[in-house]
N, C-alpha and C. Protein backbone atom coordinates (compact mmCIF):
# COMPACT_ATOMS: atom_id res chain seq x y z
N MET A 1 85.79 99.86 116.71
CA MET A 1 86.96 100.71 116.76
C MET A 1 87.04 101.55 115.28
N LYS A 2 87.27 102.95 115.33
CA LYS A 2 87.26 103.49 114.04
C LYS A 2 88.76 103.49 113.46
N VAL A 3 88.87 102.96 112.36
CA VAL A 3 90.25 102.76 111.44
C VAL A 3 90.15 103.84 110.40
N ALA A 4 91.15 104.62 110.20
CA ALA A 4 91.37 105.66 109.25
C ALA A 4 92.25 104.93 108.14
N ILE A 5 91.86 104.87 106.73
CA ILE A 5 92.78 104.27 105.76
C ILE A 5 92.79 105.22 104.58
N THR A 6 94.05 105.60 104.29
CA THR A 6 94.15 106.51 103.11
C THR A 6 93.85 105.87 101.83
N SER A 7 93.12 106.69 100.97
CA SER A 7 92.50 106.07 99.81
C SER A 7 92.42 106.92 98.59
N LYS A 8 92.52 106.29 97.26
CA LYS A 8 92.54 107.07 96.10
C LYS A 8 91.20 107.37 95.70
N GLY A 9 90.03 106.71 96.30
CA GLY A 9 88.74 107.12 95.86
C GLY A 9 87.76 107.16 97.16
N ALA A 10 86.55 107.11 97.00
CA ALA A 10 85.70 107.35 98.12
C ALA A 10 84.96 106.20 98.59
N THR A 11 85.32 104.92 98.13
CA THR A 11 84.58 103.79 98.44
C THR A 11 85.51 102.54 99.02
N LEU A 12 85.04 101.39 99.65
CA LEU A 12 85.87 100.49 100.06
C LEU A 12 86.63 99.79 99.02
N ASP A 13 86.13 99.83 97.89
CA ASP A 13 86.74 99.08 96.76
C ASP A 13 88.04 99.94 96.10
N SER A 14 88.12 101.12 96.67
CA SER A 14 89.08 102.08 96.01
C SER A 14 90.70 101.54 96.54
N PRO A 15 91.63 101.79 95.76
CA PRO A 15 93.10 101.46 96.14
C PRO A 15 93.51 102.35 97.28
N VAL A 16 94.17 101.60 98.26
CA VAL A 16 94.82 102.32 99.31
C VAL A 16 95.82 103.38 98.56
N ASP A 17 95.91 104.71 99.00
CA ASP A 17 96.74 105.69 98.59
C ASP A 17 98.12 105.44 99.59
N PRO A 18 99.09 105.37 99.23
CA PRO A 18 100.38 105.18 100.24
C PRO A 18 100.75 106.46 100.77
N ARG A 19 100.27 107.59 100.24
CA ARG A 19 100.53 109.02 100.86
C ARG A 19 99.64 109.42 102.00
N PHE A 20 99.92 109.59 103.02
CA PHE A 20 99.09 109.86 104.22
C PHE A 20 98.45 111.18 104.00
N GLY A 21 99.31 112.27 104.17
CA GLY A 21 98.88 113.60 104.09
C GLY A 21 98.30 114.05 102.68
N ARG A 22 98.70 113.39 101.71
CA ARG A 22 98.44 113.90 100.53
C ARG A 22 97.34 112.84 99.70
N ALA A 23 96.81 111.85 100.38
CA ALA A 23 95.84 111.04 99.75
C ALA A 23 94.48 111.93 99.61
N PRO A 24 93.99 111.81 98.34
CA PRO A 24 92.72 112.40 98.24
C PRO A 24 91.55 112.20 99.13
N TYR A 25 91.53 110.92 99.61
CA TYR A 25 90.53 110.69 100.52
C TYR A 25 91.05 109.95 101.92
N VAL A 26 90.34 109.95 102.91
CA VAL A 26 90.67 109.10 103.87
C VAL A 26 89.38 108.37 104.35
N ILE A 27 89.18 107.21 104.31
CA ILE A 27 88.07 106.27 104.66
C ILE A 27 88.24 106.04 106.17
N ILE A 28 87.14 106.35 106.95
CA ILE A 28 86.96 105.97 108.20
C ILE A 28 86.08 104.73 108.39
N VAL A 29 86.63 103.58 108.71
CA VAL A 29 85.97 102.38 108.78
C VAL A 29 85.52 101.94 110.14
N ASP A 30 84.38 101.64 110.38
CA ASP A 30 84.15 101.06 112.03
C ASP A 30 84.36 99.51 111.75
N SER A 31 85.34 99.10 112.49
CA SER A 31 85.91 97.81 112.44
C SER A 31 84.77 96.78 112.91
N ASP A 32 83.85 97.08 113.76
CA ASP A 32 82.85 96.15 114.16
C ASP A 32 81.43 95.99 113.26
N SER A 33 81.26 97.26 112.67
CA SER A 33 80.01 97.28 111.86
C SER A 33 80.20 97.32 110.38
N GLN A 34 81.35 97.59 110.06
CA GLN A 34 81.89 97.87 108.63
C GLN A 34 81.17 98.91 107.89
N GLU A 35 80.57 99.82 108.64
CA GLU A 35 80.06 101.19 108.15
C GLU A 35 81.33 102.05 107.97
N PHE A 36 81.12 102.76 106.99
CA PHE A 36 82.38 103.65 106.56
C PHE A 36 81.92 105.17 106.20
N GLU A 37 82.95 106.05 106.32
CA GLU A 37 82.66 107.50 105.90
C GLU A 37 83.98 107.91 105.16
N ALA A 38 83.81 108.40 103.89
CA ALA A 38 84.75 108.95 103.07
C ALA A 38 84.98 110.50 103.42
N LEU A 39 86.22 110.75 103.86
CA LEU A 39 86.64 112.04 104.25
C LEU A 39 87.31 112.59 103.19
N ASN A 40 87.00 113.85 102.49
CA ASN A 40 87.57 114.51 101.40
C ASN A 40 88.76 115.07 101.90
N ASN A 41 90.03 114.81 101.39
CA ASN A 41 91.28 115.39 101.91
C ASN A 41 92.03 116.21 100.73
N LEU A 42 91.13 116.44 99.70
CA LEU A 42 91.73 117.08 98.61
C LEU A 42 92.44 118.55 98.69
N GLU A 43 91.98 119.20 99.83
CA GLU A 43 92.48 120.41 100.00
C GLU A 43 93.83 120.29 100.56
N ASN A 44 94.46 119.15 100.98
CA ASN A 44 95.68 118.86 101.38
C ASN A 44 96.57 118.34 100.38
N VAL A 45 96.03 117.87 99.29
CA VAL A 45 96.91 117.41 98.12
C VAL A 45 97.92 118.11 97.53
N ASN A 46 97.58 119.51 97.44
CA ASN A 46 98.51 120.37 96.91
C ASN A 46 99.14 121.43 97.90
N ARG A 47 98.89 120.98 99.05
CA ARG A 47 99.45 121.97 100.15
C ARG A 47 100.88 121.96 100.26
N LEU A 48 101.66 123.20 100.17
CA LEU A 48 103.12 123.06 100.41
C LEU A 48 103.59 122.53 101.48
N LYS A 49 103.10 122.77 102.64
CA LYS A 49 103.66 122.16 103.88
C LYS A 49 102.39 121.86 104.77
N GLY A 50 102.63 120.95 105.58
CA GLY A 50 101.79 120.55 106.86
C GLY A 50 100.57 119.62 106.20
N ALA A 51 100.72 118.98 105.20
CA ALA A 51 99.53 118.14 104.83
C ALA A 51 99.29 116.93 105.80
N GLY A 52 100.24 116.52 106.20
CA GLY A 52 100.15 115.36 107.30
C GLY A 52 99.61 115.77 108.54
N ILE A 53 99.99 116.94 108.99
CA ILE A 53 99.61 117.34 110.24
C ILE A 53 98.08 117.61 110.22
N HIS A 54 97.79 118.29 109.05
CA HIS A 54 96.19 118.63 108.90
C HIS A 54 95.40 117.52 108.78
N ALA A 55 95.82 116.39 108.02
CA ALA A 55 95.19 115.27 107.87
C ALA A 55 95.08 114.29 109.18
N ALA A 56 96.19 114.39 109.97
CA ALA A 56 96.08 113.80 111.33
C ALA A 56 95.10 114.51 112.20
N THR A 57 94.94 115.79 112.08
CA THR A 57 93.94 116.42 112.81
C THR A 57 92.58 116.22 112.38
N MET A 58 92.45 116.07 111.13
CA MET A 58 91.01 115.58 110.76
C MET A 58 90.66 114.30 111.21
N ILE A 59 91.55 113.24 110.99
CA ILE A 59 91.11 112.02 111.41
C ILE A 59 90.91 111.89 112.91
N SER A 60 91.73 112.66 113.73
CA SER A 60 91.59 112.83 115.04
C SER A 60 90.09 113.27 115.70
N GLU A 61 89.81 114.36 114.76
CA GLU A 61 88.52 114.87 115.34
C GLU A 61 87.26 113.90 114.84
N LYS A 62 87.51 113.07 113.81
CA LYS A 62 86.64 112.03 113.54
C LYS A 62 86.55 110.71 114.49
N GLY A 63 87.53 110.85 115.39
CA GLY A 63 87.53 109.71 116.42
C GLY A 63 88.30 108.43 115.94
N ALA A 64 89.14 108.63 115.01
CA ALA A 64 89.98 107.49 114.56
C ALA A 64 90.88 106.95 115.60
N GLU A 65 91.01 105.65 115.89
CA GLU A 65 91.97 105.20 116.86
C GLU A 65 93.18 104.60 116.31
N VAL A 66 93.13 104.15 114.94
CA VAL A 66 94.00 103.66 114.16
C VAL A 66 94.16 104.29 112.74
N LEU A 67 95.44 104.42 112.05
CA LEU A 67 95.50 104.98 110.71
C LEU A 67 96.37 103.97 109.87
N MET A 68 95.90 103.46 108.93
CA MET A 68 96.59 102.69 107.95
C MET A 68 96.99 103.11 106.77
N THR A 69 98.18 103.29 106.25
CA THR A 69 98.67 104.04 105.25
C THR A 69 100.03 103.39 104.78
N GLY A 70 100.45 103.77 103.51
CA GLY A 70 101.89 103.40 103.12
C GLY A 70 102.99 104.10 103.72
N TYR A 71 102.97 105.43 103.70
CA TYR A 71 104.10 106.25 104.14
C TYR A 71 103.63 107.39 104.86
N CYS A 72 104.43 107.66 106.06
CA CYS A 72 104.05 108.76 106.96
C CYS A 72 105.28 109.39 107.41
N GLY A 73 105.35 110.64 107.28
CA GLY A 73 106.49 111.53 107.57
C GLY A 73 106.46 111.81 109.02
N PRO A 74 107.79 112.38 109.55
CA PRO A 74 107.99 112.58 111.07
C PRO A 74 106.97 113.46 111.57
N ASN A 75 106.54 114.63 110.95
CA ASN A 75 105.69 115.57 111.49
C ASN A 75 104.33 115.04 111.85
N ALA A 76 103.77 114.31 110.89
CA ALA A 76 102.56 113.48 110.80
C ALA A 76 102.67 112.55 112.22
N ILE A 77 103.66 111.63 112.14
CA ILE A 77 103.79 110.90 113.13
C ILE A 77 103.93 111.35 114.60
N THR A 78 104.43 112.50 114.72
CA THR A 78 104.42 113.24 115.95
C THR A 78 103.02 113.67 116.26
N THR A 79 102.44 114.05 115.28
CA THR A 79 100.85 114.62 115.51
C THR A 79 100.02 113.42 115.92
N LEU A 80 100.24 112.39 114.99
CA LEU A 80 99.42 111.22 115.30
C LEU A 80 99.57 110.42 116.76
N ASN A 81 100.84 110.51 117.18
CA ASN A 81 101.35 109.99 118.37
C ASN A 81 100.59 110.77 119.48
N ALA A 82 100.72 112.08 119.28
CA ALA A 82 100.23 113.18 120.36
C ALA A 82 98.85 112.83 120.55
N ALA A 83 98.07 112.48 119.55
CA ALA A 83 96.60 112.19 119.41
C ALA A 83 96.23 110.71 119.85
N ASN A 84 97.03 109.96 120.26
CA ASN A 84 96.99 108.58 120.57
C ASN A 84 96.38 107.74 119.46
N ILE A 85 96.76 108.02 118.26
CA ILE A 85 96.27 107.43 117.17
C ILE A 85 97.44 106.33 116.80
N LYS A 86 97.23 104.95 116.77
CA LYS A 86 98.19 104.03 116.39
C LYS A 86 98.29 104.05 114.99
N VAL A 87 99.44 103.80 114.27
CA VAL A 87 99.78 103.77 113.06
C VAL A 87 100.25 102.55 112.47
N VAL A 88 99.78 102.07 111.33
CA VAL A 88 100.20 100.84 110.69
C VAL A 88 100.65 101.39 109.22
N LEU A 89 102.01 101.03 108.98
CA LEU A 89 102.52 101.48 107.62
C LEU A 89 102.58 100.46 106.64
N GLU A 90 103.08 100.92 105.63
CA GLU A 90 103.37 100.01 104.25
C GLU A 90 102.13 98.97 103.89
N ILE A 91 100.91 99.67 103.95
CA ILE A 91 99.83 98.84 103.47
C ILE A 91 99.50 99.24 102.19
N GLY A 92 99.00 98.29 101.45
CA GLY A 92 98.67 98.48 100.02
C GLY A 92 97.36 97.51 99.82
N GLY A 93 97.04 97.48 98.47
CA GLY A 93 95.60 96.72 98.12
C GLY A 93 94.52 97.66 98.18
N THR A 94 93.23 97.20 98.45
CA THR A 94 92.02 98.08 98.61
C THR A 94 91.89 98.45 100.05
N VAL A 95 91.00 99.37 100.10
CA VAL A 95 90.59 99.83 101.37
C VAL A 95 89.85 98.63 102.22
N LYS A 96 89.03 97.97 101.54
CA LYS A 96 88.46 96.83 101.94
C LYS A 96 89.51 95.59 102.47
N GLU A 97 90.46 95.53 101.70
CA GLU A 97 91.53 94.43 102.06
C GLU A 97 92.30 94.98 103.34
N ALA A 98 92.69 96.37 103.30
CA ALA A 98 93.34 96.70 104.57
C ALA A 98 92.41 96.64 105.76
N ALA A 99 91.04 96.97 105.77
CA ALA A 99 90.21 96.85 107.02
C ALA A 99 90.07 95.23 107.32
N GLU A 100 90.23 94.39 106.27
CA GLU A 100 90.20 93.04 106.63
C GLU A 100 91.45 92.56 107.37
N LEU A 101 92.50 93.16 107.07
CA LEU A 101 93.87 92.82 107.79
C LEU A 101 93.83 93.33 109.31
N PHE A 102 93.08 94.55 109.47
CA PHE A 102 92.96 94.97 110.67
C PHE A 102 92.18 93.87 111.39
N ARG A 103 91.08 93.68 111.01
CA ARG A 103 90.00 92.68 111.72
C ARG A 103 90.67 91.41 111.98
N GLU A 104 91.58 90.90 111.22
CA GLU A 104 92.12 89.68 111.37
C GLU A 104 93.19 89.60 112.44
N GLY A 105 93.78 91.01 112.73
CA GLY A 105 94.93 91.31 113.47
C GLY A 105 96.22 91.03 112.85
N ASN A 106 96.28 91.01 111.46
CA ASN A 106 97.56 90.63 110.62
C ASN A 106 98.25 92.06 110.48
N ILE A 107 98.44 92.88 111.55
CA ILE A 107 99.06 94.25 111.31
C ILE A 107 100.26 94.38 112.54
N SER A 108 101.03 95.20 112.16
CA SER A 108 102.06 95.81 113.40
C SER A 108 102.05 97.19 113.44
N TYR A 109 102.13 97.89 114.61
CA TYR A 109 102.04 99.28 114.89
C TYR A 109 103.33 99.74 114.64
N SER A 110 103.58 101.02 114.26
CA SER A 110 104.80 101.74 114.26
C SER A 110 104.67 103.09 114.84
N ASP A 111 105.75 103.41 115.52
CA ASP A 111 105.73 104.90 116.09
C ASP A 111 106.79 105.73 115.50
N ALA A 112 107.47 105.16 114.47
CA ALA A 112 108.50 105.98 113.71
C ALA A 112 108.05 106.36 112.28
N ALA A 113 108.38 107.33 111.74
CA ALA A 113 108.19 107.62 110.24
C ALA A 113 109.02 106.76 109.32
N ASN A 114 108.31 106.58 108.26
CA ASN A 114 109.01 105.63 107.09
C ASN A 114 109.36 106.41 105.78
N THR A 115 109.34 107.72 105.94
CA THR A 115 109.66 108.73 104.93
C THR A 115 110.11 110.02 105.52
N GLU A 116 110.87 110.74 104.83
CA GLU A 116 111.40 111.97 105.21
C GLU A 116 110.19 113.10 105.30
N GLY A 117 109.20 112.84 104.59
CA GLY A 117 107.99 113.84 104.53
C GLY A 117 107.99 114.37 102.96
N HIS A 118 106.87 115.19 102.71
CA HIS A 118 106.62 115.56 101.52
C HIS A 118 106.87 114.64 100.32
N TRP A 119 106.53 113.40 100.63
CA TRP A 119 106.56 112.25 99.61
C TRP A 119 105.42 112.42 98.80
N VAL A 120 105.83 112.51 97.43
CA VAL A 120 104.66 112.72 96.50
C VAL A 120 104.57 111.50 95.43
């Protein structure tokens, strides 16, 4: 399964970025093989509006089935739900640690935003 994890850097050892739409990178990790791809999200970092919607579209196009992040606004949640992407919120640590939580099943899914959006 492909799991998208917001990140401050392009490696598994990078810290999780708590901002979904404005994280500089989103790491797509294959939960079975542990192979990963770093998606550059820098064009959304300074976007005035719609960063979460654009990021949600990007990860959907890469085949992600789950998103792990810290905070997600209502427009992004709506887009993610429409794309059938499950969302895990309030994640911290490194990307590698987040991927391990997923593998172990130590997560819970959310279908509601935990911020009003435009969280910087």
